[in-house]
């Protein structure tokens, strides 16, 4: 299954739609989906957007959710000192 995920400017997954939903609502245009997510309405156009739309393919929605739940773990582990790391001296 193909999923389209809107990631905000901070890289957080905010909205997920299927390929069928993209076709029905946004005429299969990921840019229309991006603009709508930035403005919160499907008919928004010609505005500046922050973030991006990623195209992800998984066998089912559970695999997608497991992938999204694991995003950022390497960053959290680094800042929480869960792994061996040496901070930069400024």
N, C-alpha and C. Protein backbone atom coordinates (compact mmCIF):
# COMPACT_ATOMS: atom_id res chain seq x y z
N UNK A 1 0.84 -1.17 0.00
CA UNK A 1 0.00 0.00 0.00
C UNK A 1 0.89 1.24 0.00
N UNK A 2 0.46 2.24 -0.72
CA UNK A 2 1.20 3.49 -0.78
C UNK A 2 0.51 4.52 0.10
N UNK A 3 1.30 5.18 0.93
CA UNK A 3 0.80 6.20 1.84
C UNK A 3 1.53 7.51 1.57
N UNK A 4 0.83 8.62 1.77
CA UNK A 4 1.43 9.94 1.65
C UNK A 4 1.35 10.58 3.02
N UNK A 5 2.51 11.00 3.51
CA UNK A 5 2.61 11.52 4.87
C UNK A 5 3.09 12.96 4.81
N UNK A 6 2.33 13.86 5.44
CA UNK A 6 2.76 15.25 5.56
C UNK A 6 3.60 15.37 6.82
N UNK A 7 4.85 15.78 6.64
CA UNK A 7 5.76 16.06 7.75
C UNK A 7 5.87 17.57 7.90
N UNK A 8 5.68 18.07 9.13
CA UNK A 8 5.80 19.51 9.35
C UNK A 8 7.26 19.94 9.26
N UNK A 9 7.51 21.22 9.49
CA UNK A 9 8.87 21.76 9.36
C UNK A 9 9.84 21.14 10.36
N UNK A 10 9.33 20.55 11.42
CA UNK A 10 10.18 19.91 12.43
C UNK A 10 10.37 18.41 12.17
N UNK A 11 9.77 17.89 11.10
CA UNK A 11 9.91 16.49 10.75
C UNK A 11 8.94 15.56 11.44
N UNK A 12 7.89 16.12 12.06
CA UNK A 12 6.87 15.29 12.72
C UNK A 12 5.77 14.94 11.72
N UNK A 13 5.39 13.68 11.68
CA UNK A 13 4.30 13.24 10.81
C UNK A 13 2.98 13.79 11.36
N UNK A 14 2.29 14.60 10.56
CA UNK A 14 1.06 15.25 11.02
C UNK A 14 -0.20 14.71 10.36
N UNK A 15 -0.09 14.25 9.12
CA UNK A 15 -1.28 13.76 8.42
C UNK A 15 -0.87 12.65 7.47
N UNK A 16 -1.65 11.58 7.44
CA UNK A 16 -1.39 10.43 6.59
C UNK A 16 -2.63 10.17 5.75
N UNK A 17 -2.42 10.01 4.43
CA UNK A 17 -3.53 9.63 3.56
C UNK A 17 -3.08 8.52 2.63
N UNK A 18 -4.04 7.77 2.11
CA UNK A 18 -3.73 6.70 1.18
C UNK A 18 -3.70 7.24 -0.25
N UNK A 19 -3.25 6.39 -1.15
CA UNK A 19 -3.20 6.78 -2.57
C UNK A 19 -4.60 7.09 -3.09
N UNK A 20 -5.59 6.34 -2.65
CA UNK A 20 -6.98 6.58 -3.07
C UNK A 20 -7.49 7.91 -2.53
N UNK A 21 -7.20 8.23 -1.29
CA UNK A 21 -7.62 9.51 -0.72
C UNK A 21 -6.94 10.68 -1.43
N UNK A 22 -5.68 10.51 -1.81
CA UNK A 22 -4.97 11.56 -2.54
C UNK A 22 -5.65 11.81 -3.88
N UNK A 23 -6.04 10.74 -4.56
CA UNK A 23 -6.70 10.87 -5.86
C UNK A 23 -8.07 11.54 -5.72
N UNK A 24 -8.84 11.13 -4.72
CA UNK A 24 -10.19 11.66 -4.54
C UNK A 24 -10.21 13.11 -4.09
N UNK A 25 -9.34 13.45 -3.16
CA UNK A 25 -9.38 14.78 -2.55
C UNK A 25 -8.46 15.79 -3.22
N UNK A 26 -7.29 15.32 -3.69
CA UNK A 26 -6.28 16.25 -4.19
C UNK A 26 -5.86 15.97 -5.64
N UNK A 27 -6.69 15.25 -6.39
CA UNK A 27 -6.45 14.99 -7.82
C UNK A 27 -5.09 14.34 -8.06
N UNK A 28 -4.65 13.49 -7.13
CA UNK A 28 -3.37 12.78 -7.19
C UNK A 28 -2.16 13.71 -7.22
N UNK A 29 -2.31 14.91 -6.71
CA UNK A 29 -1.22 15.90 -6.69
C UNK A 29 -0.71 16.07 -5.26
N UNK A 30 0.53 15.65 -5.02
CA UNK A 30 1.10 15.79 -3.69
C UNK A 30 1.28 17.26 -3.31
N UNK A 31 1.51 18.12 -4.30
CA UNK A 31 1.67 19.54 -3.99
C UNK A 31 0.37 20.14 -3.46
N UNK A 32 -0.76 19.71 -4.01
CA UNK A 32 -2.06 20.18 -3.49
C UNK A 32 -2.25 19.71 -2.05
N UNK A 33 -1.84 18.49 -1.77
CA UNK A 33 -1.92 17.96 -0.41
C UNK A 33 -1.04 18.79 0.53
N UNK A 34 0.18 19.11 0.10
CA UNK A 34 1.08 19.91 0.92
C UNK A 34 0.50 21.29 1.21
N UNK A 35 -0.02 21.95 0.21
CA UNK A 35 -0.59 23.29 0.40
C UNK A 35 -1.79 23.22 1.33
N UNK A 36 -2.63 22.21 1.16
CA UNK A 36 -3.80 22.06 2.04
C UNK A 36 -3.39 21.83 3.49
N UNK A 37 -2.34 21.05 3.70
CA UNK A 37 -1.89 20.80 5.07
C UNK A 37 -1.30 22.06 5.70
N UNK A 38 -0.63 22.87 4.90
CA UNK A 38 -0.05 24.10 5.41
C UNK A 38 -1.14 25.11 5.78
N UNK A 39 -2.22 25.09 5.04
CA UNK A 39 -3.29 26.05 5.28
C UNK A 39 -4.49 25.45 6.00
N UNK A 40 -4.57 24.14 6.06
CA UNK A 40 -5.68 23.50 6.75
C UNK A 40 -6.95 23.39 5.95
N UNK A 41 -6.87 23.62 4.63
CA UNK A 41 -8.07 23.48 3.80
C UNK A 41 -7.68 22.98 2.41
N UNK A 42 -8.52 22.12 1.81
CA UNK A 42 -8.17 21.50 0.52
C UNK A 42 -8.04 22.49 -0.64
N UNK A 43 -8.69 23.67 -0.58
CA UNK A 43 -8.64 24.57 -1.73
C UNK A 43 -7.61 25.69 -1.58
N UNK A 44 -6.69 25.56 -0.61
CA UNK A 44 -5.65 26.57 -0.44
C UNK A 44 -4.66 26.49 -1.60
N UNK A 45 -4.21 27.65 -2.09
CA UNK A 45 -3.26 27.65 -3.20
C UNK A 45 -2.41 28.91 -3.15
N UNK A 46 -1.22 28.84 -3.73
CA UNK A 46 -0.36 29.99 -3.87
C UNK A 46 0.18 30.56 -2.57
N UNK A 47 0.42 29.71 -1.60
CA UNK A 47 0.93 30.18 -0.32
C UNK A 47 2.26 29.50 -0.01
N UNK A 48 3.01 30.10 0.89
CA UNK A 48 4.29 29.51 1.31
C UNK A 48 4.01 28.34 2.25
N UNK A 49 4.70 27.22 2.03
CA UNK A 49 4.49 26.04 2.86
C UNK A 49 5.79 25.64 3.55
N UNK A 50 5.67 25.18 4.77
CA UNK A 50 6.79 24.59 5.48
C UNK A 50 6.49 23.12 5.66
N UNK A 51 7.50 22.30 5.52
CA UNK A 51 7.31 20.87 5.64
C UNK A 51 7.42 20.20 4.29
N UNK A 52 7.09 18.91 4.26
CA UNK A 52 7.13 18.17 3.00
C UNK A 52 6.20 16.96 3.07
N UNK A 53 5.92 16.41 1.90
CA UNK A 53 5.10 15.21 1.80
C UNK A 53 6.01 14.06 1.38
N UNK A 54 6.01 13.01 2.19
CA UNK A 54 6.80 11.83 1.88
C UNK A 54 5.90 10.73 1.35
N UNK A 55 6.41 9.95 0.42
CA UNK A 55 5.69 8.81 -0.13
C UNK A 55 6.30 7.55 0.45
N UNK A 56 5.50 6.79 1.20
CA UNK A 56 5.98 5.59 1.86
C UNK A 56 5.14 4.40 1.42
N UNK A 57 5.79 3.26 1.22
CA UNK A 57 5.08 2.05 0.81
C UNK A 57 5.30 0.95 1.85
N UNK A 58 4.20 0.41 2.36
CA UNK A 58 4.22 -0.67 3.34
C UNK A 58 3.14 -1.68 2.99
N UNK A 59 3.26 -2.89 3.54
CA UNK A 59 2.26 -3.92 3.29
C UNK A 59 0.92 -3.59 3.92
N UNK A 60 0.95 -2.90 5.07
CA UNK A 60 -0.29 -2.55 5.75
C UNK A 60 -0.07 -1.31 6.61
N UNK A 61 -1.15 -0.80 7.17
CA UNK A 61 -1.07 0.43 7.97
C UNK A 61 -0.32 0.21 9.29
N UNK A 62 -0.38 -1.00 9.81
CA UNK A 62 0.33 -1.29 11.06
C UNK A 62 1.85 -1.14 10.87
N UNK A 63 2.37 -1.63 9.75
CA UNK A 63 3.80 -1.46 9.46
C UNK A 63 4.17 0.01 9.33
N UNK A 64 3.29 0.79 8.71
CA UNK A 64 3.52 2.23 8.59
C UNK A 64 3.58 2.88 9.97
N UNK A 65 2.63 2.55 10.83
CA UNK A 65 2.59 3.13 12.17
C UNK A 65 3.82 2.75 12.99
N UNK A 66 4.29 1.51 12.83
CA UNK A 66 5.50 1.07 13.53
C UNK A 66 6.71 1.86 13.05
N UNK A 67 6.78 2.11 11.75
CA UNK A 67 7.88 2.90 11.20
C UNK A 67 7.85 4.33 11.74
N UNK A 68 6.68 4.94 11.71
CA UNK A 68 6.55 6.32 12.18
C UNK A 68 6.84 6.43 13.68
N UNK A 69 6.46 5.42 14.43
CA UNK A 69 6.72 5.45 15.88
C UNK A 69 8.21 5.39 16.17
N UNK A 70 8.98 4.79 15.28
CA UNK A 70 10.42 4.67 15.50
C UNK A 70 11.22 5.85 15.01
N UNK A 71 10.60 6.79 14.31
CA UNK A 71 11.34 7.94 13.82
C UNK A 71 11.85 8.80 14.97
N UNK A 72 13.06 9.23 14.88
CA UNK A 72 13.62 10.11 15.89
C UNK A 72 14.24 9.41 17.08
N UNK A 73 14.15 8.08 17.13
CA UNK A 73 14.72 7.37 18.28
C UNK A 73 16.22 7.59 18.39
N UNK A 74 16.91 7.68 17.24
CA UNK A 74 18.35 7.88 17.31
C UNK A 74 18.69 9.26 17.87
N UNK A 75 17.86 10.25 17.61
CA UNK A 75 18.10 11.59 18.15
C UNK A 75 17.79 11.62 19.63
N UNK A 76 16.68 11.02 20.03
CA UNK A 76 16.32 10.99 21.44
C UNK A 76 17.38 10.25 22.24
N UNK A 77 17.89 9.15 21.70
CA UNK A 77 18.93 8.40 22.39
C UNK A 77 20.20 9.20 22.56
N UNK A 78 20.53 10.00 21.56
CA UNK A 78 21.74 10.82 21.63
C UNK A 78 21.60 11.89 22.71
N UNK A 79 20.50 12.61 22.70
CA UNK A 79 20.34 13.69 23.67
C UNK A 79 20.07 13.20 25.08
N UNK A 80 19.48 12.04 25.22
CA UNK A 80 19.26 11.49 26.55
C UNK A 80 20.45 10.68 27.03
N UNK A 81 21.54 10.71 26.28
CA UNK A 81 22.79 10.01 26.62
C UNK A 81 22.58 8.51 26.80
N UNK A 82 21.73 7.94 25.95
CA UNK A 82 21.50 6.50 26.03
C UNK A 82 22.55 5.73 25.26
N UNK A 83 23.34 6.43 24.47
CA UNK A 83 24.40 5.77 23.72
C UNK A 83 25.69 6.51 23.97
N UNK A 84 26.77 5.90 23.60
CA UNK A 84 28.08 6.51 23.81
C UNK A 84 28.25 7.65 22.82
N UNK A 85 28.33 8.85 23.33
CA UNK A 85 28.50 10.02 22.46
C UNK A 85 29.32 11.07 23.20
N UNK A 86 29.94 11.92 22.45
CA UNK A 86 30.74 12.99 23.04
C UNK A 86 30.20 14.31 22.55
N UNK A 87 29.75 15.17 23.45
CA UNK A 87 29.20 16.46 23.03
C UNK A 87 30.30 17.38 22.50
N UNK A 88 29.88 18.27 21.65
CA UNK A 88 30.81 19.27 21.12
C UNK A 88 31.04 20.34 22.17
N UNK A 89 32.24 20.86 22.20
CA UNK A 89 32.56 21.97 23.09
C UNK A 89 32.51 23.25 22.31
N UNK A 90 31.69 24.18 22.75
CA UNK A 90 31.58 25.47 22.06
C UNK A 90 32.06 26.58 22.96
